[in-house]
Every structure is written in structure tokens, then in C-alpha cells.
Amino acid sequence: MRVPFDVLFVILERGCTDLDPPAISSFLRSCSLVCQELRSVSQPLLFSEFTRHKAYYSSDLLLETLRDHPHLIPLVKCLWIDKHLLSVPSEVEFLSTILPYVQQLALFSNLTRVRRNSTVDVEIRALEPSFNNVTFLCLSGMVEVSVDVFNHFRALQSLCIRKCTFKSWSTATAATNDTPGLLPIPPSPRPRLTEITLEGSLPGELAIINWFLHPRCAFDLSRLKRFLGNDVSNQHNGYALVERFMERYAPILEDVLLCPADYSTSNACFIRHTSS
């Protein structure tokens, strides 16, 4: 009697629970060597999430496997990339073969104090049209990124920004309806975001909220359902920016979570709203 694929998938998926990434990889690779049936179940789990880091090439084995067996590339659904690898031609060439299948994409940088990331828009533009299936995007640890970067993600539904600042939006007064020249014309139709997450407390980071409120924002927020703000700081009028955002979108939001960075001195360290 054969065990159904879905049942085996759940068993292996739960078997990965509480394991660290190296242990998960080892466990799934071992399962794939048992028999053809287990291989067909373990491979989608083994290759579903893939990380490329400039300093730690811990995923080199998976990378070589994908290069040697390109039929496995469509299994990659979640991709984490060190932003600085986007300037390495050999990396870009191979990533361009993976990205068309990716649904969740994260770009991160650990060098925000040393170097600015203003070239990320140029590097991402060079990879188009590889982002047609990306529904979730996370930017982490980048400084002075251009908001133009969002124009390349036409299917986006969920956006996460962690410890990032954006060019021309570093102060709370940088973006107003009187400064349309700072922004490109948004794509048509605009991607409809249903979820926004802001995390971190870099000075002026929350000024990106001004862009969300701007007529030329690249996103359609008319169906926004969830807004999460973690480590919200009052620097550069952070609280006022969040208040402006909530005034506009509170009627349509179903879930709101706000946690101020200065919770020890704040009257309310945690604010949650869930619509009935």
C-alpha cells in the first residue's frame, strides 16, 4: 500500500520542525536517497527556500546541485539574496534562471554603515522581467534605496521593510503632493498590496509612509488588510506619520499591530486593532 504524496509531504514537513537549517538540509537529503517516492516528496521541501550570502556560502552544495540538475530550479519558491551579490556577474547570470519561479524574495545587506545601496535599483532592473511571480518582497538593512525599485514587482501583494531608508524620503517633509518630480509615474495597473510590515528604528525610516500616501505611489492600497509596525520610533515625527497613515486606511484594515521602539517610556507599548 502506497502512502499518498500529500501525507508524506506533511510527515517530512513536520519532521523539519524545530531543526536548524543545516539539520533540515541533511534530513531532507537523506530522505531523498531512500527511494524514488521519498525523493519526489523531499526535493520540493529541500529546494523550496534558497539563500545566497556574500560572507557565508553555506548553500554552495544546493547551488551546485541546482546547476548540475536544472530541472530542480522550478522548485525554488523562496529566495534570500545578499544584495551585494547582485553586482557579481556570475551570480546574476545564475539567479536570472531561478527568479522566474520565485514567489517570495528577500534582499538583505549587512553593510549599511559602510556603504550605501543606491545601485540596487539598477541591479534589479537588469534582472527584469524575472519578478513576474514575486508576491512577497522583503528589503532588509539597506540605506538610501530608490523607491523606483518597487516598480519592477508587478504581482506584489505583501511588502516587508526592515531597517531601510530611501533616497529623497529621509525626512518627514520630503514627500508631499507638491513634489511629483521626485517620483516616476507608477506602473499601470498598480500592484494591489494586502499587507505592509515595517520593522526597525533607523532615523527617518518611517518617512516611507509619506510615499505610501503619495498619489504616485507604485502600489494600490485600496485593498490593504494588514499593517504591522515593529520598533516604531518617534524620531522625525514617526508617530505622526503612522497616525496619518491610519487616518486614511483604518476603515479598510482588518489587522493592525504597532509596537513602539521606546515602549519603556511610552504610554502604550503595544497597540492592536482587529476589525470585527
Protein backbone atom coordinates (compact mmCIF):
# COMPACT_ATOMS: atom_id res chain seq x y z
CA MET A 1 0.00 0.00 0.00
CA ARG A 2 1.40 3.36 -1.04
CA VAL A 3 1.27 6.37 1.24
CA PRO A 4 -0.28 9.35 -0.62
CA PHE A 5 2.11 12.11 -1.68
CA ASP A 6 0.30 14.73 0.43
CA VAL A 7 0.58 12.58 3.55
CA LEU A 8 4.30 12.00 3.03
CA PHE A 9 4.79 15.71 2.41
CA VAL A 10 3.16 16.60 5.74
CA ILE A 11 5.21 13.95 7.56
CA LEU A 12 8.51 15.28 6.19
CA GLU A 13 7.45 18.89 6.70
CA ARG A 14 6.68 18.24 10.35
CA GLY A 15 9.90 16.28 10.64
CA CYS A 16 11.74 19.53 9.85
CA THR A 17 10.05 21.36 12.70
CA ASP A 18 12.46 22.57 15.41
CA LEU A 19 15.51 21.72 13.27
CA ASP A 20 18.07 24.37 12.32
CA PRO A 21 18.68 24.94 8.56
CA PRO A 22 21.76 22.66 8.26
CA ALA A 23 19.90 19.85 10.02
CA ILE A 24 16.86 20.31 7.80
CA SER A 25 19.03 20.13 4.69
CA SER A 26 20.79 17.00 5.94
CA PHE A 27 17.50 15.35 6.91
CA LEU A 28 15.86 16.01 3.55
CA ARG A 29 18.92 14.97 1.56
CA SER A 30 18.98 11.68 3.47
CA CYS A 31 15.28 11.15 2.76
CA SER A 32 15.81 11.78 -0.94
CA LEU A 33 18.31 8.89 -1.07
CA VAL A 34 15.92 6.31 0.37
CA CYS A 35 13.72 5.73 -2.66
CA GLN A 36 12.15 7.43 -5.67
CA GLU A 37 8.92 8.10 -3.81
CA LEU A 38 10.60 9.87 -0.91
CA ARG A 39 12.84 11.78 -3.32
CA SER A 40 9.83 13.23 -5.13
CA VAL A 41 8.47 14.42 -1.76
CA SER A 42 11.69 15.67 -0.15
CA GLN A 43 13.06 17.64 -3.09
CA PRO A 44 10.28 20.30 -3.12
CA LEU A 45 10.98 20.89 0.58
CA LEU A 46 14.76 20.81 0.19
CA PHE A 47 14.88 23.37 -2.62
CA SER A 48 11.83 25.49 -1.78
CA GLU A 49 13.93 28.03 0.15
CA PHE A 50 17.36 29.10 -1.05
CA THR A 51 19.80 31.61 0.47
CA ARG A 52 22.84 33.25 -1.11
CA HIS A 53 25.04 35.21 1.29
CA LYS A 54 28.22 37.06 0.39
CA ALA A 55 30.08 36.09 3.56
CA TYR A 56 28.69 32.64 4.22
CA TYR A 57 28.38 30.30 1.28
CA SER A 58 26.57 27.67 3.36
CA SER A 59 24.22 26.95 0.46
CA ASP A 60 27.01 26.11 -2.03
CA LEU A 61 26.01 22.45 -2.06
CA LEU A 62 22.43 23.33 -3.02
CA LEU A 63 23.74 25.81 -5.57
CA GLU A 64 25.92 23.20 -7.27
CA THR A 65 23.04 20.73 -7.24
CA LEU A 66 20.79 23.24 -8.98
CA ARG A 67 23.47 23.99 -11.55
CA ASP A 68 24.05 20.29 -12.26
CA HIS A 69 20.32 19.47 -12.28
CA PRO A 70 18.46 22.46 -13.78
CA HIS A 71 15.16 20.56 -13.74
CA LEU A 72 15.12 21.25 -9.97
CA ILE A 73 15.23 25.05 -10.40
CA PRO A 74 11.42 25.46 -10.62
CA LEU A 75 11.21 24.05 -7.08
CA VAL A 76 12.78 27.24 -5.65
CA LYS A 77 9.90 29.39 -4.35
CA CYS A 78 11.59 31.49 -1.66
CA LEU A 79 14.91 33.21 -2.36
CA TRP A 80 17.09 35.21 0.07
CA ILE A 81 19.88 37.17 -1.62
CA ASP A 82 22.73 39.24 -0.24
CA LYS A 83 22.24 42.48 -2.16
CA HIS A 84 25.96 42.78 -2.85
CA LEU A 85 25.91 39.57 -4.91
CA LEU A 86 23.76 41.40 -7.47
CA SER A 87 26.95 43.09 -8.68
CA VAL A 88 28.69 39.73 -9.32
CA PRO A 89 28.10 38.77 -12.99
CA SER A 90 28.31 35.01 -12.41
CA GLU A 91 25.75 35.24 -9.59
CA VAL A 92 23.41 37.43 -11.62
CA GLU A 93 23.56 35.07 -14.57
CA PHE A 94 22.50 32.10 -12.48
CA LEU A 95 19.97 34.00 -10.37
CA SER A 96 18.23 35.08 -13.56
CA THR A 97 17.40 31.42 -14.19
CA ILE A 98 15.91 30.97 -10.70
CA LEU A 99 13.98 34.23 -10.27
CA PRO A 100 11.16 33.49 -12.77
CA TYR A 101 9.96 30.73 -10.41
CA VAL A 102 10.37 32.65 -7.16
CA GLN A 103 7.26 33.80 -5.28
CA GLN A 104 8.94 35.18 -2.15
CA LEU A 105 12.06 37.32 -2.49
CA ALA A 106 14.24 38.91 0.20
CA LEU A 107 17.15 41.26 -0.49
CA PHE A 108 19.37 41.94 2.51
CA SER A 109 22.56 43.82 3.30
CA ASN A 110 24.80 43.81 6.37
CA LEU A 111 26.94 46.74 5.25
CA THR A 112 24.56 49.66 5.78
CA ARG A 113 27.03 51.56 7.95
CA VAL A 114 29.85 51.25 5.45
CA ARG A 115 28.30 51.59 2.09
CA ARG A 116 25.11 52.92 0.58
CA ASN A 117 22.85 50.76 -1.55
CA SER A 118 21.73 53.31 -4.13
CA THR A 119 22.64 50.99 -7.03
CA VAL A 120 20.14 48.28 -6.09
CA ASP A 121 17.51 49.68 -8.47
CA VAL A 122 19.93 49.46 -11.41
CA GLU A 123 20.89 45.90 -10.48
CA ILE A 124 17.28 44.80 -10.10
CA ARG A 125 16.32 46.44 -13.38
CA ALA A 126 18.97 44.32 -15.10
CA LEU A 127 17.16 41.18 -13.91
CA GLU A 128 13.76 42.10 -15.34
CA PRO A 129 11.37 40.57 -16.29
CA SER A 130 12.29 37.90 -13.73
CA PHE A 131 9.97 39.16 -10.98
CA ASN A 132 6.61 38.42 -12.57
CA ASN A 133 5.71 35.79 -9.97
CA VAL A 134 7.02 37.57 -6.85
CA THR A 135 4.10 38.18 -4.49
CA PHE A 136 6.18 38.84 -1.34
CA LEU A 137 9.19 41.20 -1.15
CA CYS A 138 11.41 41.94 1.83
CA LEU A 139 14.14 44.60 1.86
CA SER A 140 16.45 44.46 4.87
CA GLY A 141 19.37 46.57 6.02
CA MET A 142 19.64 48.96 3.07
CA VAL A 143 20.34 52.69 3.11
CA GLU A 144 19.16 55.31 0.59
CA VAL A 145 17.42 52.90 -1.74
CA SER A 146 15.41 54.44 -4.57
CA VAL A 147 11.65 53.90 -4.40
CA ASP A 148 11.92 53.15 -8.13
CA VAL A 149 12.89 49.63 -7.09
CA PHE A 150 9.23 48.79 -6.40
CA ASN A 151 8.19 49.47 -9.99
CA HIS A 152 9.75 46.15 -11.03
CA PHE A 153 7.36 43.99 -8.99
CA ARG A 154 4.02 43.91 -10.77
CA ALA A 155 2.47 40.96 -8.90
CA LEU A 156 3.40 42.07 -5.37
CA GLN A 157 0.85 41.51 -2.60
CA SER A 158 2.93 41.71 0.58
CA LEU A 159 5.82 44.10 1.39
CA CYS A 160 8.24 43.98 4.33
CA ILE A 161 10.80 46.74 5.01
CA ARG A 162 13.38 46.20 7.75
CA LYS A 163 15.90 48.83 8.77
CA CYS A 164 15.90 50.64 5.42
CA THR A 165 15.88 54.25 4.34
CA PHE A 166 15.06 55.61 0.90
CA LYS A 167 16.55 58.34 -1.25
CA SER A 168 14.63 61.64 -1.14
CA TRP A 169 12.49 60.25 1.69
CA SER A 170 14.92 60.58 4.58
CA THR A 171 12.92 63.35 6.24
CA ALA A 172 9.27 63.55 7.06
CA THR A 173 8.79 66.59 4.80
CA ALA A 174 10.49 65.16 1.72
CA ALA A 175 7.34 63.77 0.14
CA THR A 176 4.28 65.89 -0.38
CA ASN A 177 1.73 66.23 -3.12
CA ASP A 178 3.67 69.30 -4.26
CA THR A 179 6.79 67.30 -5.21
CA PRO A 180 5.68 64.96 -8.02
CA GLY A 181 9.01 65.39 -9.77
CA LEU A 182 10.68 63.19 -7.17
CA LEU A 183 8.70 60.16 -8.28
CA PRO A 184 8.36 58.21 -11.51
CA ILE A 185 4.93 57.59 -13.00
CA PRO A 186 3.66 54.40 -11.33
CA PRO A 187 3.04 51.22 -13.32
CA SER A 188 -0.40 50.53 -14.70
CA PRO A 189 -2.15 48.66 -13.27
CA ARG A 190 -0.57 49.12 -9.88
CA PRO A 191 0.08 46.02 -7.76
CA ARG A 192 -2.55 45.67 -5.04
CA LEU A 193 -0.87 45.27 -1.66
CA THR A 194 -2.79 43.47 1.06
CA GLU A 195 -0.05 43.59 3.73
CA ILE A 196 2.70 46.02 4.78
CA THR A 197 5.28 45.35 7.50
CA LEU A 198 7.73 47.99 8.76
CA GLU A 199 10.45 46.94 11.19
CA GLY A 200 13.42 48.74 12.67
CA SER A 201 14.30 52.14 14.01
CA LEU A 202 16.70 53.88 11.64
CA PRO A 203 16.33 57.69 11.80
CA GLY A 204 13.71 58.77 9.28
CA GLU A 205 12.87 55.22 8.29
CA LEU A 206 9.13 55.73 8.71
CA ALA A 207 9.22 58.59 6.21
CA ILE A 208 8.49 55.92 3.58
CA ILE A 209 4.91 56.19 4.87
CA ASN A 210 4.76 59.54 3.06
CA TRP A 211 5.40 57.66 -0.16
CA PHE A 212 2.58 55.22 0.59
CA LEU A 213 0.29 58.24 0.89
CA HIS A 214 1.59 59.93 -2.27
CA PRO A 215 -0.54 59.92 -5.48
CA ARG A 216 2.42 58.46 -7.37
CA CYS A 217 2.99 55.54 -5.01
CA ALA A 218 3.71 52.42 -7.09
CA PHE A 219 1.09 50.44 -5.15
CA ASP A 220 -2.69 50.34 -4.99
CA LEU A 221 -3.53 50.19 -1.28
CA SER A 222 -7.30 50.18 -1.68
CA ARG A 223 -7.39 46.52 -0.58
CA LEU A 224 -4.84 46.73 2.21
CA LYS A 225 -5.84 44.38 5.03
CA ARG A 226 -2.86 44.23 7.37
CA PHE A 227 -0.38 46.82 8.66
CA LEU A 228 2.39 45.79 11.07
CA GLY A 229 4.79 48.27 12.64
CA ASN A 230 7.52 46.92 14.92
CA ASP A 231 10.03 49.16 16.77
CA VAL A 232 8.13 52.25 15.63
CA SER A 233 10.20 55.29 16.59
CA ASN A 234 9.02 58.88 17.13
CA GLN A 235 12.20 60.23 15.53
CA HIS A 236 11.46 62.51 12.57
CA ASN A 237 7.75 62.58 13.51
CA GLY A 238 7.39 58.82 13.24
CA TYR A 239 4.23 58.67 15.33
CA ALA A 240 2.61 61.46 13.31
CA LEU A 241 3.36 59.58 10.09
CA VAL A 242 1.75 56.41 11.40
CA GLU A 243 -1.25 58.46 12.53
CA ARG A 244 -1.65 59.95 9.05
CA PHE A 245 -1.49 56.50 7.52
CA MET A 246 -4.08 55.14 9.94
CA GLU A 247 -6.44 58.06 9.31
CA ARG A 248 -6.58 57.10 5.65
CA TYR A 249 -6.59 53.31 5.83
CA ALA A 250 -8.12 52.39 9.19
CA PRO A 251 -11.59 51.88 7.63
CA ILE A 252 -10.35 49.06 5.38
CA LEU A 253 -7.69 47.49 7.60
CA GLU A 254 -8.60 44.20 9.27
CA ASP A 255 -5.45 43.75 11.34
CA VAL A 256 -3.12 46.39 12.78
CA LEU A 257 -0.17 45.76 15.07
CA LEU A 258 2.01 48.61 16.35
CA CYS A 259 4.83 48.29 18.86
CA PRO A 260 6.82 51.48 19.62
CA ALA A 261 10.60 51.23 19.94
CA ASP A 262 10.55 53.37 23.09
CA TYR A 263 7.95 51.19 24.79
CA SER A 264 9.56 51.64 28.22
CA THR A 265 8.57 55.31 28.29
CA SER A 266 5.54 55.15 26.05
CA ASN A 267 2.02 55.25 27.42
CA ALA A 268 1.15 52.32 25.19
CA CYS A 269 3.87 49.87 24.19
CA PHE A 270 1.52 47.74 22.17
CA ILE A 271 -1.46 48.69 20.03
CA ARG A 272 -3.50 46.11 18.21
CA HIS A 273 -6.67 46.50 16.20
CA THR A 274 -8.62 43.71 14.58
CA SER A 275 -11.80 44.57 12.78
CA SER A 276 -14.88 42.60 13.63
